[in-house]
PDB file of N, CA and C in Angstrom:
ATOM      1  N   MET A   1      29.138   2.104   9.395  1.00  0.00           N
ATOM      2  CA  MET A   1      28.472   1.853   8.129  1.00  0.00           C
ATOM      3  C   MET A   1      29.522   1.851   7.027  1.00  0.00           C
ATOM      4  N   ALA A   2      29.440   0.860   6.185  1.00  0.00           N
ATOM      5  CA  ALA A   2      30.380   0.756   5.075  1.00  0.00           C
ATOM      6  C   ALA A   2      30.049   1.830   4.045  1.00  0.00           C
ATOM      7  N   LYS A   3      31.099   2.392   3.479  1.00  0.00           N
ATOM      8  CA  LYS A   3      30.910   3.454   2.507  1.00  0.00           C
ATOM      9  C   LYS A   3      30.153   2.923   1.289  1.00  0.00           C
ATOM     10  N   GLY A   4      29.024   3.607   0.968  1.00  0.00           N
ATOM     11  CA  GLY A   4      28.244   3.218  -0.207  1.00  0.00           C
ATOM     12  C   GLY A   4      27.437   1.948   0.003  1.00  0.00           C
ATOM     13  N   GLY A   5      27.484   1.388   1.193  1.00  0.00           N
ATOM     14  CA  GLY A   5      26.759   0.139   1.427  1.00  0.00           C
ATOM     15  C   GLY A   5      25.557   0.347   2.320  1.00  0.00           C
ATOM     16  N   ILE A   6      24.884  -0.727   2.595  1.00  0.00           N
ATOM     17  CA  ILE A   6      23.724  -0.705   3.481  1.00  0.00           C
ATOM     18  C   ILE A   6      24.234  -0.890   4.903  1.00  0.00           C
ATOM     19  N   PRO A   7      23.749  -0.086   5.844  1.00  0.00           N
ATOM     20  CA  PRO A   7      24.166  -0.264   7.224  1.00  0.00           C
ATOM     21  C   PRO A   7      23.919  -1.697   7.669  1.00  0.00           C
ATOM     22  N   GLY A   8      24.778  -2.214   8.550  1.00  0.00           N
ATOM     23  CA  GLY A   8      24.688  -3.600   9.006  1.00  0.00           C
ATOM     24  C   GLY A   8      23.309  -3.982   9.490  1.00  0.00           C
ATOM     25  N   GLY A   9      22.701  -3.134  10.290  1.00  0.00           N
ATOM     26  CA  GLY A   9      21.368  -3.437  10.811  1.00  0.00           C
ATOM     27  C   GLY A   9      20.331  -3.520   9.705  1.00  0.00           C
ATOM     28  N   MET A  10      20.437  -2.643   8.743  1.00  0.00           N
ATOM     29  CA  MET A  10      19.480  -2.627   7.640  1.00  0.00           C
ATOM     30  C   MET A  10      19.655  -3.864   6.766  1.00  0.00           C
ATOM     31  N   GLY A  11      20.874  -4.284   6.559  1.00  0.00           N
ATOM     32  CA  GLY A  11      21.145  -5.498   5.774  1.00  0.00           C
ATOM     33  C   GLY A  11      20.547  -6.724   6.439  1.00  0.00           C
ATOM     34  N   ASN A  12      20.700  -6.801   7.770  1.00  0.00           N
ATOM     35  CA  ASN A  12      20.128  -7.921   8.515  1.00  0.00           C
ATOM     36  C   ASN A  12      18.606  -7.899   8.442  1.00  0.00           C
ATOM     37  N   LEU A  13      18.033  -6.714   8.538  1.00  0.00           N
ATOM     38  CA  LEU A  13      16.578  -6.575   8.463  1.00  0.00           C
ATOM     39  C   LEU A  13      16.072  -7.043   7.107  1.00  0.00           C
ATOM     40  N   MET A  14      16.764  -6.677   6.048  1.00  0.00           N
ATOM     41  CA  MET A  14      16.365  -7.097   4.697  1.00  0.00           C
ATOM     42  C   MET A  14      16.472  -8.623   4.565  1.00  0.00           C
ATOM     43  N   LYS A  15      17.535  -9.192   5.118  1.00  0.00           N
ATOM     44  CA  LYS A  15      17.721 -10.641   5.060  1.00  0.00           C
ATOM     45  C   LYS A  15      16.605 -11.346   5.817  1.00  0.00           C
ATOM     46  N   GLN A  16      16.248 -10.829   6.996  1.00  0.00           N
ATOM     47  CA  GLN A  16      15.175 -11.424   7.789  1.00  0.00           C
ATOM     48  C   GLN A  16      13.842 -11.310   7.048  1.00  0.00           C
ATOM     49  N   ALA A  17      13.600 -10.181   6.399  1.00  0.00           N
ATOM     50  CA  ALA A  17      12.360  -9.986   5.645  1.00  0.00           C
ATOM     51  C   ALA A  17      12.282 -10.988   4.492  1.00  0.00           C
ATOM     52  N   GLN A  18      13.400 -11.228   3.821  1.00  0.00           N
ATOM     53  CA  GLN A  18      13.415 -12.195   2.721  1.00  0.00           C
ATOM     54  C   GLN A  18      13.164 -13.606   3.238  1.00  0.00           C
ATOM     55  N   GLN A  19      13.739 -13.940   4.396  1.00  0.00           N
ATOM     56  CA  GLN A  19      13.525 -15.258   4.981  1.00  0.00           C
ATOM     57  C   GLN A  19      12.058 -15.432   5.369  1.00  0.00           C
ATOM     58  N   MET A  20      11.478 -14.394   5.970  1.00  0.00           N
ATOM     59  CA  MET A  20      10.075 -14.469   6.363  1.00  0.00           C
ATOM     60  C   MET A  20       9.189 -14.618   5.132  1.00  0.00           C
ATOM     61  N   GLN A  21       9.511 -13.900   4.075  1.00  0.00           N
ATOM     62  CA  GLN A  21       8.733 -13.994   2.844  1.00  0.00           C
ATOM     63  C   GLN A  21       8.788 -15.416   2.289  1.00  0.00           C
ATOM     64  N   ALA A  22       9.957 -16.037   2.316  1.00  0.00           N
ATOM     65  CA  ALA A  22      10.092 -17.409   1.821  1.00  0.00           C
ATOM     66  C   ALA A  22       9.295 -18.372   2.700  1.00  0.00           C
ATOM     67  N   GLN A  23       9.338 -18.170   4.018  1.00  0.00           N
ATOM     68  CA  GLN A  23       8.578 -19.022   4.926  1.00  0.00           C
ATOM     69  C   GLN A  23       7.076 -18.853   4.697  1.00  0.00           C
ATOM     70  N   MET A  24       6.649 -17.622   4.486  1.00  0.00           N
ATOM     71  CA  MET A  24       5.234 -17.361   4.253  1.00  0.00           C
ATOM     72  C   MET A  24       4.780 -17.997   2.944  1.00  0.00           C
ATOM     73  N   GLN A  25       5.599 -17.944   1.926  1.00  0.00           N
ATOM     74  CA  GLN A  25       5.266 -18.563   0.640  1.00  0.00           C
ATOM     75  C   GLN A  25       5.117 -20.071   0.809  1.00  0.00           C
ATOM     76  N   LYS A  26       6.044 -20.682   1.545  1.00  0.00           N
ATOM     77  CA  LYS A  26       5.990 -22.129   1.776  1.00  0.00           C
ATOM     78  C   LYS A  26       4.734 -22.490   2.556  1.00  0.00           C
ATOM     79  N   MET A  27       4.429 -21.716   3.599  1.00  0.00           N
ATOM     80  CA  MET A  27       3.253 -21.998   4.408  1.00  0.00           C
ATOM     81  C   MET A  27       1.984 -21.831   3.583  1.00  0.00           C
ATOM     82  N   GLN A  28       1.938 -20.817   2.739  1.00  0.00           N
ATOM     83  CA  GLN A  28       0.763 -20.594   1.902  1.00  0.00           C
ATOM     84  C   GLN A  28       0.553 -21.786   0.971  1.00  0.00           C
ATOM     85  N   GLU A  29       1.614 -22.295   0.394  1.00  0.00           N
ATOM     86  CA  GLU A  29       1.510 -23.455  -0.493  1.00  0.00           C
ATOM     87  C   GLU A  29       1.001 -24.668   0.280  1.00  0.00           C
ATOM     88  N   GLU A  30       1.477 -24.848   1.516  1.00  0.00           N
ATOM     89  CA  GLU A  30       1.010 -25.961   2.343  1.00  0.00           C
ATOM     90  C   GLU A  30      -0.458 -25.793   2.703  1.00  0.00           C
ATOM     91  N   LEU A  31      -0.857 -24.573   3.045  1.00  0.00           N
ATOM     92  CA  LEU A  31      -2.248 -24.317   3.416  1.00  0.00           C
ATOM     93  C   LEU A  31      -3.195 -24.552   2.250  1.00  0.00           C
ATOM     94  N   GLU A  32      -2.733 -24.274   1.044  1.00  0.00           N
ATOM     95  CA  GLU A  32      -3.575 -24.481  -0.133  1.00  0.00           C
ATOM     96  C   GLU A  32      -3.921 -25.960  -0.311  1.00  0.00           C
ATOM     97  N   GLN A  33      -3.095 -26.850   0.245  1.00  0.00           N
ATOM     98  CA  GLN A  33      -3.333 -28.284   0.139  1.00  0.00           C
ATOM     99  C   GLN A  33      -4.247 -28.805   1.252  1.00  0.00           C
ATOM    100  N   ARG A  34      -4.388 -28.039   2.323  1.00  0.00           N
ATOM    101  CA  ARG A  34      -5.230 -28.453   3.445  1.00  0.00           C
ATOM    102  C   ARG A  34      -6.694 -28.165   3.143  1.00  0.00           C
ATOM    103  N   THR A  35      -7.579 -28.885   3.840  1.00  0.00           N
ATOM    104  CA  THR A  35      -9.011 -28.707   3.616  1.00  0.00           C
ATOM    105  C   THR A  35      -9.743 -28.496   4.931  1.00  0.00           C
ATOM    106  N   VAL A  36     -10.928 -27.921   4.822  1.00  0.00           N
ATOM    107  CA  VAL A  36     -11.844 -27.779   5.948  1.00  0.00           C
ATOM    108  C   VAL A  36     -13.193 -28.306   5.484  1.00  0.00           C
ATOM    109  N   GLU A  37     -13.979 -28.785   6.450  1.00  0.00           N
ATOM    110  CA  GLU A  37     -15.329 -29.263   6.149  1.00  0.00           C
ATOM    111  C   GLU A  37     -16.316 -28.403   6.915  1.00  0.00           C
ATOM    112  N   ALA A  38     -17.388 -28.048   6.271  1.00  0.00           N
ATOM    113  CA  ALA A  38     -18.445 -27.255   6.895  1.00  0.00           C
ATOM    114  C   ALA A  38     -19.783 -27.863   6.507  1.00  0.00           C
ATOM    115  N   SER A  39     -20.787 -27.571   7.324  1.00  0.00           N
ATOM    116  CA  SER A  39     -22.111 -28.112   7.019  1.00  0.00           C
ATOM    117  C   SER A  39     -23.187 -27.108   7.389  1.00  0.00           C
ATOM    118  N   ALA A  40     -24.393 -27.384   6.905  1.00  0.00           N
ATOM    119  CA  ALA A  40     -25.560 -26.554   7.212  1.00  0.00           C
ATOM    120  C   ALA A  40     -26.765 -27.475   7.335  1.00  0.00           C
ATOM    121  N   GLY A  41     -27.783 -26.974   8.016  1.00  0.00           N
ATOM    122  CA  GLY A  41     -29.004 -27.761   8.156  1.00  0.00           C
ATOM    123  C   GLY A  41     -28.795 -29.016   8.966  1.00  0.00           C
ATOM    124  N   GLY A  42     -27.986 -28.924  10.012  1.00  0.00           N
ATOM    125  CA  GLY A  42     -27.739 -30.103  10.836  1.00  0.00           C
ATOM    126  C   GLY A  42     -27.018 -31.209  10.094  1.00  0.00           C
ATOM    127  N   GLY A  43     -26.204 -30.836   9.137  1.00  0.00           N
ATOM    128  CA  GLY A  43     -25.424 -31.807   8.380  1.00  0.00           C
ATOM    129  C   GLY A  43     -26.105 -32.276   7.099  1.00  0.00           C
ATOM    130  N   MET A  44     -27.220 -31.669   6.759  1.00  0.00           N
ATOM    131  CA  MET A  44     -27.919 -32.081   5.529  1.00  0.00           C
ATOM    132  C   MET A  44     -27.126 -31.716   4.279  1.00  0.00           C
ATOM    133  N   VAL A  45     -26.346 -30.636   4.370  1.00  0.00           N
ATOM    134  CA  VAL A  45     -25.462 -30.244   3.275  1.00  0.00           C
ATOM    135  C   VAL A  45     -24.064 -30.089   3.862  1.00  0.00           C
ATOM    136  N   LYS A  46     -23.100 -30.814   3.292  1.00  0.00           N
ATOM    137  CA  LYS A  46     -21.711 -30.750   3.745  1.00  0.00           C
ATOM    138  C   LYS A  46     -20.829 -30.373   2.563  1.00  0.00           C
ATOM    139  N   VAL A  47     -19.828 -29.543   2.851  1.00  0.00           N
ATOM    140  CA  VAL A  47     -18.889 -29.143   1.805  1.00  0.00           C
ATOM    141  C   VAL A  47     -17.464 -29.293   2.308  1.00  0.00           C
ATOM    142  N   VAL A  48     -16.546 -29.454   1.371  1.00  0.00           N
ATOM    143  CA  VAL A  48     -15.118 -29.470   1.657  1.00  0.00           C
ATOM    144  C   VAL A  48     -14.496 -28.364   0.819  1.00  0.00           C
ATOM    145  N   VAL A  49     -13.741 -27.485   1.488  1.00  0.00           N
ATOM    146  CA  VAL A  49     -13.098 -26.342   0.837  1.00  0.00           C
ATOM    147  C   VAL A  49     -11.607 -26.415   1.135  1.00  0.00           C
ATOM    148  N   ASN A  50     -10.777 -26.108   0.134  1.00  0.00           N
ATOM    149  CA  ASN A  50      -9.334 -26.106   0.385  1.00  0.00           C
ATOM    150  C   ASN A  50      -8.853 -24.714   0.771  1.00  0.00           C
ATOM    151  N   GLY A  51      -7.572 -24.612   1.064  1.00  0.00           N
ATOM    152  CA  GLY A  51      -6.978 -23.344   1.479  1.00  0.00           C
ATOM    153  C   GLY A  51      -6.976 -22.283   0.405  1.00  0.00           C
ATOM    154  N   LYS A  52      -7.244 -22.656  -0.843  1.00  0.00           N
ATOM    155  CA  LYS A  52      -7.362 -21.677  -1.925  1.00  0.00           C
ATOM    156  C   LYS A  52      -8.796 -21.186  -2.050  1.00  0.00           C
ATOM    157  N   LYS A  53      -9.649 -21.645  -1.119  1.00  0.00           N
ATOM    158  CA  LYS A  53     -11.075 -21.313  -1.098  1.00  0.00           C
ATOM    159  C   LYS A  53     -11.802 -21.895  -2.305  1.00  0.00           C
ATOM    160  N   GLU A  54     -11.356 -23.070  -2.749  1.00  0.00           N
ATOM    161  CA  GLU A  54     -12.022 -23.771  -3.831  1.00  0.00           C
ATOM    162  C   GLU A  54     -12.925 -24.843  -3.229  1.00  0.00           C
ATOM    163  N   LEU A  55     -14.137 -24.948  -3.717  1.00  0.00           N
ATOM    164  CA  LEU A  55     -15.065 -25.976  -3.289  1.00  0.00           C
ATOM    165  C   LEU A  55     -14.638 -27.291  -3.929  1.00  0.00           C
ATOM    166  N   LEU A  56     -14.266 -28.273  -3.098  1.00  0.00           N
ATOM    167  CA  LEU A  56     -13.774 -29.548  -3.615  1.00  0.00           C
ATOM    168  C   LEU A  56     -14.840 -30.630  -3.643  1.00  0.00           C
ATOM    169  N   ASP A  57     -15.756 -30.571  -2.673  1.00  0.00           N
ATOM    170  CA  ASP A  57     -16.753 -31.624  -2.574  1.00  0.00           C
ATOM    171  C   ASP A  57     -18.011 -31.068  -1.919  1.00  0.00           C
ATOM    172  N   ILE A  58     -19.134 -31.602  -2.323  1.00  0.00           N
ATOM    173  CA  ILE A  58     -20.405 -31.234  -1.711  1.00  0.00           C
ATOM    174  C   ILE A  58     -21.234 -32.510  -1.582  1.00  0.00           C
ATOM    175  N   THR A  59     -21.832 -32.687  -0.407  1.00  0.00           N
ATOM    176  CA  THR A  59     -22.686 -33.840  -0.147  1.00  0.00           C
ATOM    177  C   THR A  59     -24.036 -33.324   0.319  1.00  0.00           C
ATOM    178  N   ILE A  60     -25.096 -33.790  -0.338  1.00  0.00           N
ATOM    179  CA  ILE A  60     -26.453 -33.369   0.013  1.00  0.00           C
ATOM    180  C   ILE A  60     -27.239 -34.598   0.438  1.00  0.00           C
ATOM    181  N   ASP A  61     -27.737 -34.560   1.664  1.00  0.00           N
ATOM    182  CA  ASP A  61     -28.584 -35.630   2.176  1.00  0.00           C
ATOM    183  C   ASP A  61     -29.862 -35.658   1.337  1.00  0.00           C
ATOM    184  N   PRO A  62     -30.270 -36.832   0.835  1.00  0.00           N
ATOM    185  CA  PRO A  62     -31.491 -36.904   0.029  1.00  0.00           C
ATOM    186  C   PRO A  62     -32.723 -36.317   0.731  1.00  0.00           C
ATOM    187  N   ALA A  63     -32.735 -36.340   2.049  1.00  0.00           N
ATOM    188  CA  ALA A  63     -33.871 -35.768   2.789  1.00  0.00           C
ATOM    189  C   ALA A  63     -33.977 -34.258   2.580  1.00  0.00           C
ATOM    190  N   ALA A  64     -32.882 -33.624   2.167  1.00  0.00           N
ATOM    191  CA  ALA A  64     -32.890 -32.172   1.945  1.00  0.00           C
ATOM    192  C   ALA A  64     -33.479 -31.807   0.589  1.00  0.00           C
ATOM    193  N   VAL A  65     -33.675 -32.797  -0.253  1.00  0.00           N
ATOM    194  CA  VAL A  65     -34.173 -32.548  -1.607  1.00  0.00           C
ATOM    195  C   VAL A  65     -35.702 -32.664  -1.611  1.00  0.00           C
ATOM    196  N   ASP A  66     -36.336 -31.512  -1.552  1.00  0.00           N
ATOM    197  CA  ASP A  66     -37.799 -31.436  -1.567  1.00  0.00           C
ATOM    198  C   ASP A  66     -38.191 -30.583  -2.766  1.00  0.00           C
ATOM    199  N   PRO A  67     -38.772 -31.198  -3.797  1.00  0.00           N
ATOM    200  CA  PRO A  67     -39.140 -30.430  -4.995  1.00  0.00           C
ATOM    201  C   PRO A  67     -40.071 -29.264  -4.692  1.00  0.00           C
ATOM    202  N   GLU A  68     -40.778 -29.338  -3.572  1.00  0.00           N
ATOM    203  CA  GLU A  68     -41.697 -28.267  -3.192  1.00  0.00           C
ATOM    204  C   GLU A  68     -40.981 -27.116  -2.481  1.00  0.00           C
ATOM    205  N   ASP A  69     -39.720 -27.350  -2.072  1.00  0.00           N
ATOM    206  CA  ASP A  69     -38.997 -26.323  -1.323  1.00  0.00           C
ATOM    207  C   ASP A  69     -37.538 -26.237  -1.785  1.00  0.00           C
ATOM    208  N   VAL A  70     -37.355 -25.928  -3.049  1.00  0.00           N
ATOM    209  CA  VAL A  70     -36.021 -25.807  -3.630  1.00  0.00           C
ATOM    210  C   VAL A  70     -35.252 -24.666  -2.964  1.00  0.00           C
ATOM    211  N   GLU A  71     -35.934 -23.625  -2.569  1.00  0.00           N
ATOM    212  CA  GLU A  71     -35.274 -22.480  -1.933  1.00  0.00           C
ATOM    213  C   GLU A  71     -34.548 -22.883  -0.659  1.00  0.00           C
ATOM    214  N   MET A  72     -35.127 -23.796   0.126  1.00  0.00           N
ATOM    215  CA  MET A  72     -34.461 -24.241   1.346  1.00  0.00           C
ATOM    216  C   MET A  72     -33.134 -24.918   1.009  1.00  0.00           C
ATOM    217  N   LEU A  73     -33.139 -25.776   0.008  1.00  0.00           N
ATOM    218  CA  LEU A  73     -31.916 -26.457  -0.392  1.00  0.00           C
ATOM    219  C   LEU A  73     -30.875 -25.452  -0.884  1.00  0.00           C
ATOM    220  N   GLN A  74     -31.310 -24.476  -1.659  1.00  0.00           N
ATOM    221  CA  GLN A  74     -30.381 -23.445  -2.127  1.00  0.00           C
ATOM    222  C   GLN A  74     -29.775 -22.697  -0.948  1.00  0.00           C
ATOM    223  N   ASP A  75     -30.605 -22.359   0.035  1.00  0.00           N
ATOM    224  CA  ASP A  75     -30.111 -21.652   1.221  1.00  0.00           C
ATOM    225  C   ASP A  75     -29.108 -22.497   1.992  1.00  0.00           C
ATOM    226  N   LEU A  76     -29.377 -23.806   2.119  1.00  0.00           N
ATOM    227  CA  LEU A  76     -28.455 -24.698   2.831  1.00  0.00           C
ATOM    228  C   LEU A  76     -27.119 -24.794   2.107  1.00  0.00           C
ATOM    229  N   VAL A  77     -27.166 -24.889   0.788  1.00  0.00           N
ATOM    230  CA  VAL A  77     -25.923 -24.968   0.006  1.00  0.00           C
ATOM    231  C   VAL A  77     -25.123 -23.679   0.168  1.00  0.00           C
ATOM    232  N   LEU A  78     -25.790 -22.544   0.043  1.00  0.00           N
ATOM    233  CA  LEU A  78     -25.095 -21.262   0.222  1.00  0.00           C
ATOM    234  C   LEU A  78     -24.491 -21.142   1.614  1.00  0.00           C
ATOM    235  N   ALA A  79     -25.248 -21.517   2.627  1.00  0.00           N
ATOM    236  CA  ALA A  79     -24.757 -21.415   4.002  1.00  0.00           C
ATOM    237  C   ALA A  79     -23.544 -22.313   4.218  1.00  0.00           C
ATOM    238  N   ALA A  80     -23.592 -23.539   3.713  1.00  0.00           N
ATOM    239  CA  ALA A  80     -22.471 -24.467   3.890  1.00  0.00           C
ATOM    240  C   ALA A  80     -21.225 -23.974   3.149  1.00  0.00           C
ATOM    241  N   VAL A  81     -21.389 -23.506   1.921  1.00  0.00           N
ATOM    242  CA  VAL A  81     -20.242 -23.019   1.139  1.00  0.00           C
ATOM    243  C   VAL A  81     -19.633 -21.787   1.806  1.00  0.00           C
ATOM    244  N   ASN A  82     -20.470 -20.847   2.230  1.00  0.00           N
ATOM    245  CA  ASN A  82     -19.949 -19.644   2.885  1.00  0.00           C
ATOM    246  C   ASN A  82     -19.231 -19.989   4.183  1.00  0.00           C
ATOM    247  N   GLU A  83     -19.755 -20.945   4.945  1.00  0.00           N
ATOM    248  CA  GLU A  83     -19.088 -21.361   6.185  1.00  0.00           C
ATOM    249  C   GLU A  83     -17.754 -22.033   5.862  1.00  0.00           C
ATOM    250  N   GLY A  84     -17.703 -22.826   4.800  1.00  0.00           N
ATOM    251  CA  GLY A  84     -16.445 -23.457   4.393  1.00  0.00           C
ATOM    252  C   GLY A  84     -15.394 -22.424   4.021  1.00  0.00           C
ATOM    253  N   ILE A  85     -15.800 -21.401   3.284  1.00  0.00           N
ATOM    254  CA  ILE A  85     -14.872 -20.331   2.904  1.00  0.00           C
ATOM    255  C   ILE A  85     -14.401 -19.583   4.145  1.00  0.00           C
ATOM    256  N   HIS A  86     -15.322 -19.319   5.067  1.00  0.00           N
ATOM    257  CA  HIS A  86     -14.973 -18.646   6.319  1.00  0.00           C
ATOM    258  C   HIS A  86     -13.952 -19.471   7.106  1.00  0.00           C
ATOM    259  N   GLN A  87     -14.172 -20.782   7.196  1.00  0.00           N
ATOM    260  CA  GLN A  87     -13.237 -21.640   7.926  1.00  0.00           C
ATOM    261  C   GLN A  87     -11.873 -21.690   7.242  1.00  0.00           C
ATOM    262  N   ALA A  88     -11.845 -21.691   5.914  1.00  0.00           N
ATOM    263  CA  ALA A  88     -10.572 -21.675   5.184  1.00  0.00           C
ATOM    264  C   ALA A  88      -9.821 -20.375   5.472  1.00  0.00           C
ATOM    265  N   ASP A  89     -10.545 -19.248   5.503  1.00  0.00           N
ATOM    266  CA  ASP A  89      -9.928 -17.957   5.849  1.00  0.00           C
ATOM    267  C   ASP A  89      -9.346 -17.993   7.255  1.00  0.00           C
ATOM    268  N   GLU A  90     -10.119 -18.542   8.206  1.00  0.00           N
ATOM    269  CA  GLU A  90      -9.667 -18.631   9.598  1.00  0.00           C
ATOM    270  C   GLU A  90      -8.409 -19.476   9.702  1.00  0.00           C
ATOM    271  N   MET A  91      -8.390 -20.626   9.011  1.00  0.00           N
ATOM    272  CA  MET A  91      -7.232 -21.508   9.021  1.00  0.00           C
ATOM    273  C   MET A  91      -6.005 -20.743   8.525  1.00  0.00           C
ATOM    274  N   PHE A  92      -6.176 -19.998   7.449  1.00  0.00           N
ATOM    275  CA  PHE A  92      -5.079 -19.227   6.863  1.00  0.00           C
ATOM    276  C   PHE A  92      -4.581 -18.168   7.850  1.00  0.00           C
ATOM    277  N   ARG A  93      -5.512 -17.411   8.449  1.00  0.00           N
ATOM    278  CA  ARG A  93      -5.134 -16.355   9.396  1.00  0.00           C
ATOM    279  C   ARG A  93      -4.400 -16.918  10.610  1.00  0.00           C
ATOM    280  N   GLU A  94      -4.899 -18.031  11.137  1.00  0.00           N
ATOM    281  CA  GLU A  94      -4.267 -18.633  12.318  1.00  0.00           C
ATOM    282  C   GLU A  94      -2.838 -19.072  12.014  1.00  0.00           C
ATOM    283  N   GLU A  95      -2.660 -19.774  10.904  1.00  0.00           N
ATOM    284  CA  GLU A  95      -1.327 -20.279  10.564  1.00  0.00           C
ATOM    285  C   GLU A  95      -0.359 -19.137  10.246  1.00  0.00           C
ATOM    286  N   MET A  96      -0.803 -18.174   9.482  1.00  0.00           N
ATOM    287  CA  MET A  96       0.063 -17.045   9.153  1.00  0.00           C
ATOM    288  C   MET A  96       0.344 -16.212  10.400  1.00  0.00           C
ATOM    289  N   GLY A  97      -0.635 -16.097  11.291  1.00  0.00           N
ATOM    290  CA  GLY A  97      -0.432 -15.369  12.543  1.00  0.00           C
ATOM    291  C   GLY A  97       0.662 -15.997  13.389  1.00  0.00           C
ATOM    292  N   GLN A  98       0.744 -17.328  13.361  1.00  0.00           N
ATOM    293  CA  GLN A  98       1.808 -18.017  14.099  1.00  0.00           C
ATOM    294  C   GLN A  98       3.172 -17.697  13.491  1.00  0.00           C
ATOM    295  N   LEU A  99       3.208 -17.635  12.176  1.00  0.00           N
ATOM    296  CA  LEU A  99       4.472 -17.359  11.492  1.00  0.00           C
ATOM    297  C   LEU A  99       4.939 -15.927  11.740  1.00  0.00           C
ATOM    298  N   THR A 100       4.001 -14.992  11.723  1.00  0.00           N
ATOM    299  CA  THR A 100       4.369 -13.580  11.877  1.00  0.00           C
ATOM    300  C   THR A 100       4.334 -13.122  13.327  1.00  0.00           C
ATOM    301  N   GLY A 101       4.064 -14.040  14.241  1.00  0.00           N
ATOM    302  CA  GLY A 101       4.023 -13.669  15.654  1.00  0.00           C
ATOM    303  C   GLY A 101       2.858 -12.736  15.968  1.00  0.00           C
ATOM    304  N   GLY A 102       1.776 -12.872  15.216  1.00  0.00           N
ATOM    305  CA  GLY A 102       0.599 -12.038  15.450  1.00  0.00           C
ATOM    306  C   GLY A 102       0.677 -10.678  14.778  1.00  0.00           C
ATOM    307  N   LEU A 103       1.777 -10.403  14.099  1.00  0.00           N
ATOM    308  CA  LEU A 103       1.942  -9.120  13.400  1.00  0.00           C
ATOM    309  C   LEU A 103       1.004  -9.088  12.206  1.00  0.00           C
ATOM    310  N   ASN A 104       0.150  -8.098  12.144  1.00  0.00           N
ATOM    311  CA  ASN A 104      -0.798  -7.981  11.041  1.00  0.00           C
ATOM    312  C   ASN A 104      -0.126  -7.216   9.910  1.00  0.00           C
ATOM    313  N   ILE A 105       0.172  -7.924   8.822  1.00  0.00           N
ATOM    314  CA  ILE A 105       0.837  -7.303   7.678  1.00  0.00           C
ATOM    315  C   ILE A 105      -0.234  -6.993   6.630  1.00  0.00           C
ATOM    316  N   PRO A 106      -0.478  -5.720   6.346  1.00  0.00           N
ATOM    317  CA  PRO A 106      -1.525  -5.346   5.386  1.00  0.00           C
ATOM    318  C   PRO A 106      -1.336  -6.083   4.058  1.00  0.00           C
ATOM    319  N   GLY A 107      -2.453  -6.562   3.526  1.00  0.00           N
ATOM    320  CA  GLY A 107      -2.417  -7.252   2.244  1.00  0.00           C
ATOM    321  C   GLY A 107      -2.075  -8.727   2.327  1.00  0.00           C
ATOM    322  N   MET A 108      -1.694  -9.209   3.501  1.00  0.00           N
ATOM    323  CA  MET A 108      -1.313 -10.598   3.638  1.00  0.00           C
ATOM    324  C   MET A 108      -2.476 -11.476   4.068  1.00  0.00           C
ATOM    325  N   PHE A 109      -3.416 -10.928   4.829  1.00  0.00           N
ATOM    326  CA  PHE A 109      -4.506 -11.746   5.380  1.00  0.00           C
ATOM    327  C   PHE A 109      -5.817 -11.169   4.936  1.00  0.00           C
TER     328      PHE A 109
END
């Protein structure tokens, strides 16, 4: 160990951690640009969500619009949006898991 310095192994570990952090940042930025599509009610309501969990698009089949049953349409929209967010989370976990070799880093996923 060099006097007053970081032991060689510790220096390498810090360098590897910085490289992994940079790779994770790049992957996160790429994932934010990717999208997932989810649907509910047999495709009557479809949504597109990006990796930032932002709702980008929603399509509602006119057959789902029944003025006598607005609650059903609300439920379909909620179900589709929640499924889209769930799929975006899964996409993020899978990709980050590949980068970290399955290592679960608290606060990252």
